[in-house]
Amino acid sequence: MQKKFLIVDDMHQSICGLLSEIGIDADYQPQISRSELLSIIGNYEGLLIRSKTDVDQELIDAAVKLEVIGRAGAGLDKIDVQYVESRGIEILNAPEGNRDALAEHAMGLLLSMLNNIIKSDAEVRNWVWDREGNRGDELSDKTIGIIGYGYMGQAFVQRLRAFDCRVLVYDKYKKGFGTKNVEEVSLAKLFDKSDILSLHIPLNEETRAWVNKDFIQNFRKDIYLLNTARGEILPTKDLLELLDSGKLKGAALDVLDKEKFDNLTEDERNQFTDLFSRKNIVFSPHVGGWTFSSYKRINEVLVGKIASHYHIMSESNKS
């Protein structure tokens, strides 16, 4: 019998055709409401999501036929992984699809921060020609401390090699990955040597608010911070205190701990107003990894994994 997959988030238009190639019946409903989803999910063997849909116990209990959950992207923080796996449902994601886009974006943020590009651009547009006030730092002089050496961390390191900087990597769950270009280190050494900290770790209960004020105070030097992972890893309140103290010399942030601005409390809005006024921060709206190319490539990676799960050969591979 043909498998039926429900797609409940906006995805590149190629998704239905790619699924059809491997014999999957795709039902594309990106505007579906939560109540509608709960009422029909029991009819499907597969569910494809991006970032809108919470896959929790309520949803899984209603998904009586579900065999596969596909996440069009890398992070799994919208999925109750433990409960899903306890029900024997396969979770597939596609970090290979946007790792290059993320790495390129991270490099852009980092270079913009070190060279005051956003600040100087705004000044020139306002008829201010301040060369000395926008003198930059060279990346080649720096030691980059990276936490997390998965797909994203490795792709970022590959780009850093061209800048001839020292690269230190800490990963709690990986060992033996050090090379002549990448030093595998303990957290203690990362704290001691780093000039810049770059985060490439998933959001889970272990990492939520892990990189907080106390964590950053462990660094021997005053450092720059690059976060293209998840904003909840570093609370905004702590970020502001670290910037005020000078422990953080600057930050490049693609993510924030609250990204739905319409739902902010008054205190949260005041914190962001303060944060947004800082000239030593570069922001982007969670678009690291989100390019025209990666949007399509994520589909290709994800459908390839679905085909492998079901041991299916696509029509393009058959010919």
Protein backbone atom coordinates (compact mmCIF):
# COMPACT_ATOMS: atom_id res chain seq x y z
CA MET A 1 0.00 0.00 0.00
CA GLN A 2 1.21 3.51 -0.83
CA LYS A 3 2.43 5.51 2.17
CA LYS A 4 0.72 8.84 2.89
CA PHE A 5 2.72 11.81 4.18
CA LEU A 6 1.22 15.00 5.59
CA ILE A 7 3.24 18.22 5.14
CA VAL A 8 2.20 20.85 7.68
CA ASP A 9 4.74 23.65 7.13
CA ASP A 10 5.75 25.72 4.12
CA MET A 11 8.39 23.85 2.13
CA HIS A 12 10.05 24.33 -1.26
CA GLN A 13 7.63 23.54 -4.08
CA SER A 14 9.74 20.53 -5.08
CA ILE A 15 8.67 18.48 -2.07
CA CYS A 16 5.54 16.85 -3.50
CA GLY A 17 7.26 15.87 -6.74
CA LEU A 18 10.25 14.41 -4.91
CA LEU A 19 7.97 12.35 -2.66
CA SER A 20 5.95 11.18 -5.66
CA GLU A 21 9.19 9.95 -7.29
CA ILE A 22 9.68 7.48 -4.46
CA GLY A 23 6.03 6.42 -4.39
CA ILE A 24 4.87 8.54 -1.45
CA ASP A 25 1.41 10.15 -1.58
CA ALA A 26 2.04 13.74 -0.40
CA ASP A 27 -0.70 15.86 1.19
CA TYR A 28 0.54 19.47 1.34
CA GLN A 29 -1.35 21.48 3.97
CA PRO A 30 0.99 24.20 5.32
CA GLN A 31 -1.89 26.33 6.64
CA ILE A 32 -3.44 23.56 8.71
CA SER A 33 -4.54 24.47 12.23
CA ARG A 34 -3.57 22.50 15.32
CA SER A 35 -7.10 21.18 15.81
CA GLU A 36 -7.34 20.13 12.17
CA LEU A 37 -3.97 18.40 12.40
CA LEU A 38 -5.03 16.43 15.46
CA SER A 39 -8.23 15.34 13.74
CA ILE A 40 -6.54 13.90 10.62
CA ILE A 41 -3.01 12.84 11.61
CA GLY A 42 -4.21 9.32 12.31
CA ASN A 43 -4.57 8.75 8.55
CA TYR A 44 -0.87 9.21 7.74
CA GLU A 45 2.31 7.16 7.93
CA GLY A 46 4.53 10.24 7.65
CA LEU A 47 4.62 13.81 8.95
CA LEU A 48 6.90 16.54 7.58
CA ILE A 49 7.51 19.71 9.60
CA ARG A 50 9.78 22.74 9.74
CA SER A 51 9.58 25.05 12.76
CA LYS A 52 5.89 25.83 13.23
CA THR A 53 4.60 22.54 14.56
CA ASP A 54 5.13 21.14 18.06
CA VAL A 55 5.37 17.36 17.90
CA ASP A 56 4.36 16.50 21.46
CA GLN A 57 2.67 13.60 23.25
CA GLU A 58 -0.81 14.84 22.32
CA LEU A 59 0.01 14.78 18.62
CA ILE A 60 1.84 11.46 18.73
CA ASP A 61 -1.02 9.78 20.60
CA ALA A 62 -3.36 10.88 17.82
CA ALA A 63 -0.96 9.67 15.09
CA VAL A 64 -1.84 5.99 15.35
CA LYS A 65 -0.32 5.02 11.98
CA LEU A 66 2.74 7.28 12.08
CA GLU A 67 6.05 5.70 11.07
CA VAL A 68 8.26 8.66 10.13
CA ILE A 69 8.65 12.29 11.20
CA GLY A 70 10.77 14.39 8.87
CA ARG A 71 12.21 17.73 10.00
CA ALA A 72 13.08 19.99 7.08
CA GLY A 73 16.20 21.40 8.72
CA ALA A 74 18.60 20.47 11.49
CA GLY A 75 17.19 21.21 14.95
CA LEU A 76 14.86 18.80 16.73
CA ASP A 77 13.81 21.11 19.58
CA LYS A 78 10.17 21.18 18.39
CA ILE A 79 9.97 17.39 18.75
CA ASP A 80 9.56 15.38 21.97
CA VAL A 81 12.30 13.03 20.81
CA GLN A 82 12.14 10.68 23.78
CA TYR A 83 8.41 10.10 23.48
CA VAL A 84 8.49 9.77 19.70
CA GLU A 85 11.25 7.18 19.87
CA SER A 86 9.41 5.29 22.62
CA ARG A 87 6.60 4.78 20.11
CA GLY A 88 8.99 3.33 17.54
CA ILE A 89 8.65 6.30 15.15
CA GLU A 90 11.69 7.21 13.06
CA ILE A 91 12.91 10.82 13.20
CA LEU A 92 14.73 12.13 10.13
CA ASN A 93 16.27 15.57 9.73
CA ALA A 94 18.40 17.25 7.08
CA PRO A 95 21.39 19.17 8.49
CA GLU A 96 23.36 18.25 5.37
CA GLY A 97 20.95 20.40 3.37
CA ASN A 98 21.78 23.74 5.00
CA ARG A 99 25.18 23.30 6.64
CA ASP A 100 27.00 25.18 3.87
CA ALA A 101 24.50 28.04 3.95
CA LEU A 102 24.84 28.26 7.74
CA ALA A 103 28.64 28.24 7.59
CA GLU A 104 28.75 31.01 4.99
CA HIS A 105 26.30 33.11 6.97
CA ALA A 106 28.30 32.60 10.17
CA MET A 107 31.42 33.81 8.40
CA GLY A 108 29.58 36.89 7.20
CA LEU A 109 28.36 37.72 10.70
CA LEU A 110 31.80 37.16 12.20
CA LEU A 111 33.61 39.36 9.69
CA SER A 112 30.95 42.05 9.98
CA MET A 113 31.36 42.11 13.75
CA LEU A 114 35.17 42.20 13.76
CA ASN A 115 35.32 44.91 11.09
CA ASN A 116 32.45 47.13 12.27
CA ILE A 117 30.78 46.82 8.88
CA ILE A 118 27.20 47.44 10.03
CA LYS A 119 28.21 50.38 12.23
CA SER A 120 30.40 52.03 9.60
CA ASP A 121 27.78 51.52 6.88
CA ALA A 122 25.20 53.36 9.02
CA GLU A 123 27.66 56.15 9.77
CA VAL A 124 28.65 56.73 6.14
CA ARG A 125 24.97 56.91 5.17
CA ASN A 126 24.70 59.69 7.77
CA TRP A 127 27.71 61.60 6.37
CA VAL A 128 30.11 60.40 9.08
CA TRP A 129 33.55 59.37 7.77
CA ASP A 130 35.22 57.88 10.87
CA ARG A 131 38.15 55.66 9.89
CA GLU A 132 39.76 55.40 13.32
CA GLY A 133 36.47 54.68 15.08
CA ASN A 134 35.87 51.74 12.76
CA ARG A 135 39.31 50.15 12.86
CA GLY A 136 38.78 46.37 12.76
CA ASP A 137 40.33 43.19 14.14
CA GLU A 138 41.90 40.56 11.86
CA LEU A 139 40.56 37.06 12.15
CA SER A 140 43.97 35.56 11.42
CA ASP A 141 45.24 36.90 14.76
CA LYS A 142 42.51 35.17 16.74
CA THR A 143 41.88 31.84 18.41
CA ILE A 144 38.37 30.62 17.67
CA GLY A 145 36.74 28.42 20.30
CA ILE A 146 33.93 26.29 18.88
CA ILE A 147 31.42 24.29 20.91
CA GLY A 148 29.78 21.55 18.87
CA TYR A 149 31.37 19.62 15.99
CA GLY A 150 28.37 18.29 14.12
CA TYR A 151 27.45 19.17 10.55
CA MET A 152 27.27 22.91 11.25
CA GLY A 153 30.44 23.14 13.32
CA GLN A 154 32.44 21.17 10.78
CA ALA A 155 31.21 23.29 7.85
CA PHE A 156 32.13 26.47 9.75
CA VAL A 157 35.60 25.15 10.55
CA GLN A 158 36.14 24.38 6.86
CA ARG A 159 35.59 28.07 6.05
CA LEU A 160 37.81 29.24 8.89
CA ARG A 161 40.81 27.39 7.46
CA ALA A 162 41.22 30.03 4.76
CA PHE A 163 41.85 32.68 7.44
CA ASP A 164 44.80 30.93 9.06
CA CYS A 165 43.41 31.33 12.58
CA ARG A 166 43.80 28.86 15.42
CA VAL A 167 40.71 26.65 15.83
CA LEU A 168 39.83 24.91 19.11
CA VAL A 169 36.80 22.62 19.28
CA TYR A 170 35.01 21.14 22.27
CA ASP A 171 32.31 18.52 21.79
CA LYS A 172 31.01 16.59 24.80
CA TYR A 173 29.85 13.67 22.68
CA LYS A 174 32.63 13.31 20.10
CA LYS A 175 36.23 12.23 20.51
CA GLY A 176 39.18 11.67 18.23
CA PHE A 177 38.34 14.31 15.60
CA GLY A 178 41.42 16.49 16.04
CA THR A 179 43.64 17.17 13.01
CA LYS A 180 46.55 19.47 12.23
CA ASN A 181 43.98 22.20 11.49
CA VAL A 182 41.55 21.54 14.36
CA GLU A 183 42.55 21.10 17.99
CA GLU A 184 40.23 18.88 20.00
CA VAL A 185 40.24 20.45 23.47
CA SER A 186 38.63 20.38 26.88
CA LEU A 187 36.32 23.14 28.05
CA ALA A 188 39.11 24.30 30.36
CA LYS A 189 41.46 24.90 27.42
CA LEU A 190 38.68 26.55 25.43
CA PHE A 191 38.15 28.95 28.35
CA ASP A 192 41.86 29.67 28.60
CA LYS A 193 42.78 30.32 24.97
CA SER A 194 39.75 31.58 23.03
CA ASP A 195 39.33 35.10 21.65
CA ILE A 196 36.02 34.25 19.96
CA LEU A 197 33.33 31.75 20.99
CA SER A 198 31.09 30.22 18.30
CA LEU A 199 28.12 28.03 19.26
CA HIS A 200 27.03 25.08 17.12
CA ILE A 201 24.99 23.00 19.54
CA PRO A 202 21.33 21.91 19.53
CA LEU A 203 18.75 23.25 21.94
CA ASN A 204 17.68 20.70 24.54
CA GLU A 205 17.22 20.56 28.29
CA GLU A 206 20.97 20.22 28.77
CA THR A 207 21.89 23.29 26.71
CA ARG A 208 18.99 25.63 27.53
CA ALA A 209 20.57 28.67 29.29
CA TRP A 210 23.83 26.70 29.56
CA VAL A 211 26.00 29.43 28.02
CA ASN A 212 24.97 31.99 30.63
CA LYS A 213 26.76 34.74 32.56
CA ASP A 214 28.58 32.29 34.84
CA PHE A 215 29.70 30.21 31.86
CA ILE A 216 31.17 33.17 29.97
CA GLN A 217 32.96 34.42 33.09
CA ASN A 218 35.12 31.28 32.86
CA PHE A 219 36.94 32.71 29.83
CA ARG A 220 40.31 34.15 30.75
CA LYS A 221 40.10 36.84 28.06
CA ASP A 222 37.32 39.23 27.12
CA ILE A 223 35.79 37.59 24.06
CA TYR A 224 33.54 38.00 21.05
CA LEU A 225 30.47 35.76 20.74
CA LEU A 226 28.94 34.22 17.60
CA ASN A 227 25.60 32.42 17.97
CA THR A 228 23.97 30.81 14.95
CA ALA A 229 22.56 27.90 16.99
CA ARG A 230 19.59 28.74 19.23
CA GLY A 231 18.92 31.90 21.22
CA GLU A 232 17.64 30.06 24.29
CA ILE A 233 21.17 28.78 24.91
CA LEU A 234 22.14 32.27 26.18
CA PRO A 235 19.47 34.34 28.00
CA THR A 236 19.19 37.97 26.90
CA LYS A 237 19.44 39.21 30.50
CA ASP A 238 22.85 37.54 30.88
CA LEU A 239 23.95 38.74 27.45
CA LEU A 240 23.26 42.36 28.44
CA GLU A 241 25.18 42.03 31.71
CA LEU A 242 28.17 40.53 29.89
CA LEU A 243 28.16 43.34 27.35
CA ASP A 244 27.89 45.95 30.12
CA SER A 245 30.84 44.46 32.00
CA GLY A 246 32.99 44.25 28.85
CA LYS A 247 33.43 40.49 29.24
CA LEU A 248 31.77 40.28 25.84
CA LYS A 249 33.50 42.72 23.48
CA GLY A 250 30.80 42.19 20.89
CA ALA A 251 28.32 39.66 19.57
CA ALA A 252 27.01 38.41 16.23
CA LEU A 253 23.56 36.91 16.67
CA ASP A 254 21.38 35.10 14.15
CA VAL A 255 19.09 33.92 16.96
CA LEU A 256 17.42 35.34 20.07
CA ASP A 257 15.85 33.66 23.08
CA LYS A 258 12.47 35.11 22.06
CA GLU A 259 11.88 35.51 18.32
CA LYS A 260 8.13 36.16 18.27
CA PHE A 261 8.20 39.87 19.04
CA ASP A 262 4.39 40.14 19.27
CA ASN A 263 4.43 37.87 22.35
CA LEU A 264 7.05 39.72 24.41
CA THR A 265 6.35 40.80 27.96
CA GLU A 266 7.10 44.41 28.88
CA ASP A 267 10.33 43.34 30.59
CA GLU A 268 11.42 41.31 27.56
CA ARG A 269 10.64 44.22 25.24
CA ASN A 270 12.74 46.53 27.42
CA GLN A 271 15.64 44.08 27.32
CA PHE A 272 15.49 43.87 23.53
CA THR A 273 15.24 47.65 23.21
CA ASP A 274 18.48 47.85 25.19
CA LEU A 275 20.09 45.07 23.15
CA PHE A 276 19.10 46.60 19.81
CA SER A 277 20.68 49.93 20.77
CA ARG A 278 24.16 48.38 21.06
CA LYS A 279 26.57 49.23 18.27
CA ASN A 280 28.88 46.28 18.99
CA ILE A 281 26.28 43.69 17.96
CA VAL A 282 25.41 42.39 14.50
CA PHE A 283 21.96 40.84 14.08
CA SER A 284 20.20 38.72 11.49
CA PRO A 285 16.67 37.22 11.80
CA HIS A 286 17.42 33.48 12.11
CA VAL A 287 18.35 33.17 8.44
CA GLY A 288 21.64 31.33 8.87
CA GLY A 289 21.21 28.24 6.72
CA TRP A 290 18.14 29.74 5.01
CA THR A 291 19.11 30.43 1.40
CA PHE A 292 17.36 29.86 -1.92
CA SER A 293 19.68 26.92 -2.55
CA SER A 294 19.33 25.32 0.87
CA TYR A 295 15.53 25.61 0.77
CA LYS A 296 15.47 23.12 -2.09
CA ARG A 297 18.48 21.07 -0.99
CA ILE A 298 16.86 20.32 2.37
CA ASN A 299 13.98 18.64 0.53
CA GLU A 300 16.37 16.53 -1.52
CA VAL A 301 18.27 15.36 1.56
CA LEU A 302 15.12 14.64 3.53
CA VAL A 303 13.39 12.70 0.75
CA GLY A 304 16.60 10.73 0.19
CA LYS A 305 16.52 9.66 3.84
CA ILE A 306 12.84 8.74 3.60
CA ALA A 307 13.65 6.60 0.56
CA SER A 308 16.46 4.91 2.48
CA HIS A 309 14.15 4.28 5.43
CA TYR A 310 11.69 2.47 3.18
CA HIS A 311 14.44 0.97 0.96
CA ILE A 312 13.03 2.77 -2.07
CA MET A 313 14.97 3.73 -5.19
CA SER A 314 13.85 7.01 -6.76
CA GLU A 315 12.74 7.09 -10.38
CA SER A 316 15.77 9.25 -11.28
CA ASN A 317 18.11 6.60 -9.87
CA LYS A 318 16.31 3.77 -11.65
CA SER A 319 16.81 5.30 -15.09
